Every structure is written in C-alpha cells, then in structure tokens.
C-alpha cells in the first residue's frame, strides 16, 4: 500500500502529463483531497500511423 499515487504520477509524467493535488476545506477543517491530472493531446503527425507500422485489426 502507499505506492498508488506514486505509480499514477509516474504513468502520467511518462506521458508528459501533470498531476495536481489540493486540500478541500470547510472553513478551517480539511474535508479531503482532490486530484486532477492533465495529459497532452497528440499532434496530427503523431496520430498518423507510420507506413511501416503493423495494421490494426478491427473485429466486425
């Protein structure tokens, strides 16, 4: 236990994303925590498959 957030952060950062945490307050009392993450959208060039890439199988 205790490696969940570290693992999430590693995965998000390996995809060039960002993880943010903030405390949730009710006056001076901390009620909990909120986690937010951002991942960049791929560019059009990155979304286009390489000509030598293996074809994607689609079930019909």
C-alpha atoms as a PDB file:
ATOM      1  CA  UNK A   1       0.000   0.000   0.000  1.00  0.00           C
ATOM      2  CA  UNK A   2       1.044   3.612  -0.378  1.00  0.00           C
ATOM      3  CA  UNK A   3       2.548   3.385  -3.855  1.00  0.00           C
ATOM      4  CA  UNK A   4      -0.704   4.080  -5.721  1.00  0.00           C
ATOM      5  CA  UNK A   5      -0.270   7.840  -6.109  1.00  0.00           C
ATOM      6  CA  UNK A   6       3.422   7.474  -6.877  1.00  0.00           C
ATOM      7  CA  UNK A   7       2.593   4.953  -9.588  1.00  0.00           C
ATOM      8  CA  UNK A   8      -0.152   7.190 -11.017  1.00  0.00           C
ATOM      9  CA  UNK A   9       2.214  10.155 -11.055  1.00  0.00           C
ATOM     10  CA  UNK A  10       4.921   8.123 -12.814  1.00  0.00           C
ATOM     11  CA  UNK A  11       2.500   6.958 -15.516  1.00  0.00           C
ATOM     12  CA  UNK A  12       1.069  10.446 -16.057  1.00  0.00           C
ATOM     13  CA  UNK A  13       4.511  12.072 -16.208  1.00  0.00           C
ATOM     14  CA  UNK A  14       5.815   9.403 -18.600  1.00  0.00           C
ATOM     15  CA  UNK A  15       3.072  10.589 -20.978  1.00  0.00           C
ATOM     16  CA  UNK A  16       4.225  14.217 -20.478  1.00  0.00           C
ATOM     17  CA  UNK A  17       1.222  14.969 -18.272  1.00  0.00           C
ATOM     18  CA  UNK A  18       0.831  16.644 -14.904  1.00  0.00           C
ATOM     19  CA  UNK A  19      -0.777  15.543 -11.621  1.00  0.00           C
ATOM     20  CA  UNK A  20      -2.014  18.082  -9.082  1.00  0.00           C
ATOM     21  CA  UNK A  21      -3.429  17.623  -5.571  1.00  0.00           C
ATOM     22  CA  UNK A  22      -5.236  20.136  -3.369  1.00  0.00           C
ATOM     23  CA  UNK A  23      -6.913  20.012   0.024  1.00  0.00           C
ATOM     24  CA  UNK A  24     -10.674  20.547   0.262  1.00  0.00           C
ATOM     25  CA  UNK A  25     -11.663  22.802   3.164  1.00  0.00           C
ATOM     26  CA  UNK A  26     -14.826  23.617   5.101  1.00  0.00           C
ATOM     27  CA  UNK A  27     -13.699  26.742   6.905  1.00  0.00           C
ATOM     28  CA  UNK A  28     -10.502  25.694   8.650  1.00  0.00           C
ATOM     29  CA  UNK A  29     -11.342  21.958   8.642  1.00  0.00           C
ATOM     30  CA  UNK A  30      -9.803  19.774   5.929  1.00  0.00           C
ATOM     31  CA  UNK A  31     -12.522  17.539   4.452  1.00  0.00           C
ATOM     32  CA  UNK A  32     -10.454  15.661   1.915  1.00  0.00           C
ATOM     33  CA  UNK A  33      -8.285  15.968  -1.133  1.00  0.00           C
ATOM     34  CA  UNK A  34      -8.911  16.461  -4.849  1.00  0.00           C
ATOM     35  CA  UNK A  35      -6.581  15.052  -7.508  1.00  0.00           C
ATOM     36  CA  UNK A  36      -6.537  16.380 -11.066  1.00  0.00           C
ATOM     37  CA  UNK A  37      -4.388  15.330 -13.986  1.00  0.00           C
ATOM     38  CA  UNK A  38      -3.737  16.674 -17.478  1.00  0.00           C
ATOM     39  CA  UNK A  39      -2.471  14.772 -20.488  1.00  0.00           C
ATOM     40  CA  UNK A  40      -1.400  16.493 -23.709  1.00  0.00           C
ATOM     41  CA  UNK A  41      -3.327  15.806 -26.897  1.00  0.00           C
ATOM     42  CA  UNK A  42      -1.287  14.115 -29.611  1.00  0.00           C
ATOM     43  CA  UNK A  43      -0.392  16.249 -32.595  1.00  0.00           C
ATOM     44  CA  UNK A  44      -1.822  15.377 -36.019  1.00  0.00           C
ATOM     45  CA  UNK A  45       1.571  13.990 -37.082  1.00  0.00           C
ATOM     46  CA  UNK A  46       1.770  11.734 -34.024  1.00  0.00           C
ATOM     47  CA  UNK A  47      -1.790  10.474 -34.587  1.00  0.00           C
ATOM     48  CA  UNK A  48      -0.996   9.369 -38.151  1.00  0.00           C
ATOM     49  CA  UNK A  49       0.347   5.797 -38.184  1.00  0.00           C
ATOM     50  CA  UNK A  50       3.797   5.215 -39.620  1.00  0.00           C
ATOM     51  CA  UNK A  51       3.719   3.494 -43.059  1.00  0.00           C
ATOM     52  CA  UNK A  52       5.791   0.584 -41.703  1.00  0.00           C
ATOM     53  CA  UNK A  53       3.537   0.073 -38.675  1.00  0.00           C
ATOM     54  CA  UNK A  54       1.630  -3.180 -38.407  1.00  0.00           C
ATOM     55  CA  UNK A  55      -2.009  -2.879 -39.486  1.00  0.00           C
ATOM     56  CA  UNK A  56      -4.648  -2.572 -36.771  1.00  0.00           C
ATOM     57  CA  UNK A  57      -7.078  -5.456 -36.574  1.00  0.00           C
ATOM     58  CA  UNK A  58     -10.748  -4.488 -36.389  1.00  0.00           C
ATOM     59  CA  UNK A  59     -13.436  -7.018 -35.496  1.00  0.00           C
ATOM     60  CA  UNK A  60     -16.732  -6.697 -37.348  1.00  0.00           C
END
